[in-house]
PDB file of all heavy atoms in Angstrom:
ATOM      1  N   GLU A   1       0.901  -1.237  -0.047  1.00  0.00           N
ATOM      2  CA  GLU A   1       0.052  -0.045   0.042  1.00  0.00           C
ATOM      3  C   GLU A   1       0.877   1.275   0.022  1.00  0.00           C
ATOM      4  O   GLU A   1       0.623   2.245  -0.694  1.00  0.00           O
ATOM      5  CB  GLU A   1      -0.927  -0.120   1.211  1.00  0.00           C
ATOM      6  CG  GLU A   1      -1.937   1.199   1.161  1.00  0.00           C
ATOM      7  CD  GLU A   1      -2.801   1.074   2.454  1.00  0.00           C
ATOM      8  OE1 GLU A   1      -3.839   0.273   2.401  1.00  0.00           O
ATOM      9  OE2 GLU A   1      -2.637   1.755   3.461  1.00  0.00           O
ATOM     10  N   LYS A   2       1.994   1.288   0.843  1.00  0.00           N
ATOM     11  CA  LYS A   2       2.825   2.406   0.849  1.00  0.00           C
ATOM     12  C   LYS A   2       3.631   2.623  -0.564  1.00  0.00           C
ATOM     13  O   LYS A   2       3.675   3.807  -1.006  1.00  0.00           O
ATOM     14  CB  LYS A   2       3.904   2.087   1.938  1.00  0.00           C
ATOM     15  CG  LYS A   2       4.813   3.395   2.113  1.00  0.00           C
ATOM     16  CD  LYS A   2       4.010   4.567   2.660  1.00  0.00           C
ATOM     17  CE  LYS A   2       5.010   5.746   2.903  1.00  0.00           C
ATOM     18  NZ  LYS A   2       4.311   6.950   3.361  1.00  0.00           N
ATOM     19  N   GLU A   3       3.979   1.612  -1.148  1.00  0.00           N
ATOM     20  CA  GLU A   3       4.615   1.547  -2.410  1.00  0.00           C
ATOM     21  C   GLU A   3       3.635   2.246  -3.434  1.00  0.00           C
ATOM     22  O   GLU A   3       4.073   3.133  -4.242  1.00  0.00           O
ATOM     23  CB  GLU A   3       5.050   0.247  -2.928  1.00  0.00           C
ATOM     24  CG  GLU A   3       5.742   0.247  -4.296  1.00  0.00           C
ATOM     25  CD  GLU A   3       5.997  -1.085  -4.829  1.00  0.00           C
ATOM     26  OE1 GLU A   3       5.506  -2.045  -4.328  1.00  0.00           O
ATOM     27  OE2 GLU A   3       6.862  -1.158  -5.708  1.00  0.00           O
ATOM     28  N   ARG A   4       2.477   1.789  -3.530  1.00  0.00           N
ATOM     29  CA  ARG A   4       1.429   2.401  -4.403  1.00  0.00           C
ATOM     30  C   ARG A   4       1.235   3.902  -4.169  1.00  0.00           C
ATOM     31  O   ARG A   4       1.154   4.741  -5.086  1.00  0.00           O
ATOM     32  CB  ARG A   4       0.064   1.671  -4.256  1.00  0.00           C
ATOM     33  CG  ARG A   4      -0.932   2.039  -5.224  1.00  0.00           C
ATOM     34  CD  ARG A   4      -2.199   1.214  -5.093  1.00  0.00           C
ATOM     35  NE  ARG A   4      -2.807   1.340  -3.762  1.00  0.00           N
ATOM     36  CZ  ARG A   4      -3.751   0.634  -3.324  1.00  0.00           C
ATOM     37  NH1 ARG A   4      -4.360  -0.270  -4.112  1.00  0.00           N
ATOM     38  NH2 ARG A   4      -4.303   0.835  -2.166  1.00  0.00           N
ATOM     39  N   SER A   5       1.238   4.264  -2.860  1.00  0.00           N
ATOM     40  CA  SER A   5       0.962   5.725  -2.544  1.00  0.00           C
ATOM     41  C   SER A   5       2.194   6.493  -2.968  1.00  0.00           C
ATOM     42  O   SER A   5       1.993   7.643  -3.482  1.00  0.00           O
ATOM     43  CB  SER A   5       0.863   5.842  -1.017  1.00  0.00           C
ATOM     44  OG  SER A   5       0.768   7.127  -0.567  1.00  0.00           O
ATOM     45  N   LEU A   6       3.489   5.955  -2.827  1.00  0.00           N
ATOM     46  CA  LEU A   6       4.712   6.744  -3.162  1.00  0.00           C
ATOM     47  C   LEU A   6       4.725   6.884  -4.661  1.00  0.00           C
ATOM     48  O   LEU A   6       5.147   8.007  -5.197  1.00  0.00           O
ATOM     49  CB  LEU A   6       5.856   5.986  -2.676  1.00  0.00           C
ATOM     50  CG  LEU A   6       6.134   5.975  -1.188  1.00  0.00           C
ATOM     51  CD1 LEU A   6       7.348   5.040  -0.805  1.00  0.00           C
ATOM     52  CD2 LEU A   6       6.395   7.471  -0.721  1.00  0.00           C
ATOM     53  N   ILE A   7       4.316   5.859  -5.449  1.00  0.00           N
ATOM     54  CA  ILE A   7       4.373   5.966  -6.878  1.00  0.00           C
ATOM     55  C   ILE A   7       3.337   7.056  -7.304  1.00  0.00           C
ATOM     56  O   ILE A   7       3.729   7.841  -8.321  1.00  0.00           O
ATOM     57  CB  ILE A   7       3.989   4.601  -7.519  1.00  0.00           C
ATOM     58  CG1 ILE A   7       5.109   3.601  -7.363  1.00  0.00           C
ATOM     59  CG2 ILE A   7       3.761   4.692  -9.045  1.00  0.00           C
ATOM     60  CD1 ILE A   7       4.755   2.149  -7.791  1.00  0.00           C
ATOM     61  N   SER A   8       2.150   7.003  -6.776  1.00  0.00           N
ATOM     62  CA  SER A   8       1.175   8.116  -7.179  1.00  0.00           C
ATOM     63  C   SER A   8       1.652   9.516  -6.812  1.00  0.00           C
ATOM     64  O   SER A   8       1.455  10.510  -7.592  1.00  0.00           O
ATOM     65  CB  SER A   8      -0.167   7.783  -6.361  1.00  0.00           C
ATOM     66  OG  SER A   8      -1.145   8.834  -6.691  1.00  0.00           O
ATOM     67  N   ALA A   9       2.231   9.572  -5.662  1.00  0.00           N
ATOM     68  CA  ALA A   9       2.831  10.982  -5.141  1.00  0.00           C
ATOM     69  C   ALA A   9       3.992  11.436  -6.108  1.00  0.00           C
ATOM     70  O   ALA A   9       4.004  12.647  -6.541  1.00  0.00           O
ATOM     71  CB  ALA A   9       3.294  10.821  -3.774  1.00  0.00           C
ATOM     72  N   ARG A  10       4.843  10.485  -6.513  1.00  0.00           N
ATOM     73  CA  ARG A  10       5.987  10.920  -7.428  1.00  0.00           C
ATOM     74  C   ARG A  10       5.303  11.354  -8.728  1.00  0.00           C
ATOM     75  O   ARG A  10       5.898  12.186  -9.405  1.00  0.00           O
ATOM     76  CB  ARG A  10       6.885   9.773  -7.544  1.00  0.00           C
ATOM     77  CG  ARG A  10       7.810   9.502  -6.377  1.00  0.00           C
ATOM     78  CD  ARG A  10       8.977   8.674  -6.704  1.00  0.00           C
ATOM     79  NE  ARG A  10       8.524   7.301  -7.062  1.00  0.00           N
ATOM     80  CZ  ARG A  10       8.439   6.289  -6.237  1.00  0.00           C
ATOM     81  NH1 ARG A  10       8.744   6.414  -4.948  1.00  0.00           N
ATOM     82  NH2 ARG A  10       8.146   5.084  -6.628  1.00  0.00           N
ATOM     83  N   THR A  11       4.328  10.609  -9.261  1.00  0.00           N
ATOM     84  CA  THR A  11       3.801  10.994 -10.591  1.00  0.00           C
ATOM     85  C   THR A  11       3.151  12.363 -10.458  1.00  0.00           C
ATOM     86  O   THR A  11       3.371  13.201 -11.438  1.00  0.00           O
ATOM     87  CB  THR A  11       2.802   9.978 -10.916  1.00  0.00           C
ATOM     88  OG1 THR A  11       3.263   8.641 -11.035  1.00  0.00           O
ATOM     89  CG2 THR A  11       2.041  10.272 -12.277  1.00  0.00           C
ATOM     90  N   ARG A  12       2.393  12.660  -9.446  1.00  0.00           N
ATOM     91  CA  ARG A  12       1.792  13.984  -9.330  1.00  0.00           C
ATOM     92  C   ARG A  12       2.745  15.093  -9.262  1.00  0.00           C
ATOM     93  O   ARG A  12       2.673  16.148  -9.854  1.00  0.00           O
ATOM     94  CB  ARG A  12       0.884  13.983  -8.019  1.00  0.00           C
ATOM     95  CG  ARG A  12      -0.468  13.167  -8.267  1.00  0.00           C
ATOM     96  CD  ARG A  12      -1.418  13.586  -7.228  1.00  0.00           C
ATOM     97  NE  ARG A  12      -0.860  13.415  -5.841  1.00  0.00           N
ATOM     98  CZ  ARG A  12      -1.033  12.246  -5.064  1.00  0.00           C
ATOM     99  NH1 ARG A  12      -1.640  11.182  -5.696  1.00  0.00           N
ATOM    100  NH2 ARG A  12      -0.519  12.269  -3.939  1.00  0.00           N
ATOM    101  N   ALA A  13       3.884  14.811  -8.514  1.00  0.00           N
ATOM    102  CA  ALA A  13       4.974  15.823  -8.253  1.00  0.00           C
ATOM    103  C   ALA A  13       5.702  16.079  -9.659  1.00  0.00           C
ATOM    104  O   ALA A  13       5.966  17.245  -9.910  1.00  0.00           O
ATOM    105  CB  ALA A  13       5.920  15.395  -7.213  1.00  0.00           C
ATOM    106  N   ALA A  14       5.932  15.052 -10.415  1.00  0.00           N
ATOM    107  CA  ALA A  14       6.629  15.237 -11.714  1.00  0.00           C
ATOM    108  C   ALA A  14       5.734  15.988 -12.723  1.00  0.00           C
ATOM    109  O   ALA A  14       6.251  16.911 -13.342  1.00  0.00           O
ATOM    110  CB  ALA A  14       6.949  13.860 -12.267  1.00  0.00           C
ATOM    111  N   LEU A  15       4.532  15.717 -12.645  1.00  0.00           N
ATOM    112  CA  LEU A  15       3.568  16.552 -13.508  1.00  0.00           C
ATOM    113  C   LEU A  15       3.455  18.017 -13.133  1.00  0.00           C
ATOM    114  O   LEU A  15       3.412  18.906 -13.877  1.00  0.00           O
ATOM    115  CB  LEU A  15       2.220  15.826 -13.586  1.00  0.00           C
ATOM    116  CG  LEU A  15       2.013  14.507 -14.208  1.00  0.00           C
ATOM    117  CD1 LEU A  15       0.613  13.953 -14.012  1.00  0.00           C
ATOM    118  CD2 LEU A  15       2.398  14.637 -15.664  1.00  0.00           C
ATOM    119  N   ALA A  16       3.381  18.239 -11.834  1.00  0.00           N
ATOM    120  CA  ALA A  16       3.313  19.600 -11.277  1.00  0.00           C
ATOM    121  C   ALA A  16       4.619  20.409 -11.605  1.00  0.00           C
ATOM    122  O   ALA A  16       4.515  21.556 -11.991  1.00  0.00           O
ATOM    123  CB  ALA A  16       3.070  19.459  -9.832  1.00  0.00           C
ATOM    124  N   ALA A  17       5.811  19.736 -11.502  1.00  0.00           N
ATOM    125  CA  ALA A  17       7.075  20.317 -11.794  1.00  0.00           C
ATOM    126  C   ALA A  17       7.104  20.763 -13.347  1.00  0.00           C
ATOM    127  O   ALA A  17       7.544  21.875 -13.745  1.00  0.00           O
ATOM    128  CB  ALA A  17       8.167  19.453 -11.437  1.00  0.00           C
ATOM    129  N   LYS A  18       6.637  19.823 -14.234  1.00  0.00           N
ATOM    130  CA  LYS A  18       6.631  20.180 -15.601  1.00  0.00           C
ATOM    131  C   LYS A  18       5.693  21.261 -15.886  1.00  0.00           C
ATOM    132  O   LYS A  18       5.985  22.221 -16.634  1.00  0.00           O
ATOM    133  CB  LYS A  18       6.171  18.972 -16.428  1.00  0.00           C
ATOM    134  CG  LYS A  18       7.189  17.818 -16.530  1.00  0.00           C
ATOM    135  CD  LYS A  18       6.695  16.669 -17.449  1.00  0.00           C
ATOM    136  CE  LYS A  18       7.714  15.615 -17.636  1.00  0.00           C
ATOM    137  NZ  LYS A  18       7.341  14.646 -18.638  1.00  0.00           N
ATOM    138  N   LYS A  19       4.586  21.355 -15.243  1.00  0.00           N
ATOM    139  CA  LYS A  19       3.631  22.412 -15.520  1.00  0.00           C
ATOM    140  C   LYS A  19       4.218  23.792 -14.970  1.00  0.00           C
ATOM    141  O   LYS A  19       3.938  24.822 -15.664  1.00  0.00           O
ATOM    142  CB  LYS A  19       2.304  22.125 -14.749  1.00  0.00           C
ATOM    143  CG  LYS A  19       1.124  23.033 -15.098  1.00  0.00           C
ATOM    144  CD  LYS A  19      -0.200  22.661 -14.562  1.00  0.00           C
ATOM    145  CE  LYS A  19      -1.369  23.581 -14.810  1.00  0.00           C
ATOM    146  NZ  LYS A  19      -2.554  23.098 -14.195  1.00  0.00           N
ATOM    147  N   ALA A  20       4.747  23.705 -13.852  1.00  0.00           N
ATOM    148  CA  ALA A  20       5.418  24.837 -13.250  1.00  0.00           C
ATOM    149  C   ALA A  20       6.552  25.426 -14.193  1.00  0.00           C
ATOM    150  O   ALA A  20       6.828  26.623 -14.221  1.00  0.00           O
ATOM    151  CB  ALA A  20       5.972  24.707 -11.853  1.00  0.00           C
ATOM    152  N   GLY A  21       7.183  24.573 -14.860  1.00  0.00           N
ATOM    153  CA  GLY A  21       8.194  24.965 -15.847  1.00  0.00           C
ATOM    154  C   GLY A  21       7.793  25.394 -17.133  1.00  0.00           C
ATOM    155  O   GLY A  21       8.550  25.671 -18.032  1.00  0.00           O
ATOM    156  N   GLY A  22       6.512  25.618 -17.353  1.00  0.00           N
ATOM    157  CA  GLY A  22       5.951  25.993 -18.554  1.00  0.00           C
ATOM    158  C   GLY A  22       5.498  25.018 -19.582  1.00  0.00           C
ATOM    159  O   GLY A  22       5.122  25.317 -20.641  1.00  0.00           O
ATOM    160  N   ALA A  23       5.760  23.711 -19.232  1.00  0.00           N
ATOM    161  CA  ALA A  23       5.409  22.694 -20.217  1.00  0.00           C
ATOM    162  C   ALA A  23       3.940  22.535 -20.241  1.00  0.00           C
ATOM    163  O   ALA A  23       3.129  22.656 -19.291  1.00  0.00           O
ATOM    164  CB  ALA A  23       6.044  21.351 -19.607  1.00  0.00           C
ATOM    165  N   LYS A  24       3.380  22.270 -21.518  1.00  0.00           N
ATOM    166  CA  LYS A  24       2.120  22.099 -21.764  1.00  0.00           C
ATOM    167  C   LYS A  24       1.747  20.560 -21.706  1.00  0.00           C
ATOM    168  O   LYS A  24       2.272  19.854 -22.570  1.00  0.00           O
ATOM    169  CB  LYS A  24       1.584  22.596 -23.048  1.00  0.00           C
ATOM    170  CG  LYS A  24       1.572  24.236 -23.093  1.00  0.00           C
ATOM    171  CD  LYS A  24       1.086  24.702 -24.472  1.00  0.00           C
ATOM    172  CE  LYS A  24       1.028  26.278 -24.492  1.00  0.00           C
ATOM    173  NZ  LYS A  24       0.573  26.796 -25.702  1.00  0.00           N
ATOM    174  N   LEU A  25       0.867  20.193 -20.774  1.00  0.00           N
ATOM    175  CA  LEU A  25       0.529  18.779 -20.624  1.00  0.00           C
ATOM    176  C   LEU A  25      -0.480  18.371 -21.582  1.00  0.00           C
ATOM    177  O   LEU A  25      -1.515  19.024 -21.633  1.00  0.00           O
ATOM    178  CB  LEU A  25       0.073  18.493 -19.150  1.00  0.00           C
ATOM    179  CG  LEU A  25       1.178  18.830 -18.167  1.00  0.00           C
ATOM    180  CD1 LEU A  25       0.562  18.573 -16.748  1.00  0.00           C
ATOM    181  CD2 LEU A  25       2.501  18.136 -18.347  1.00  0.00           C
TER     182      LEU A  25
END
């Protein structure tokens, strides 16, 4: 369960970083 939560959190963080850097998702 913890591993699944960490994977989800890392995915959200990576997408947020790309969006903050001006990337269009």
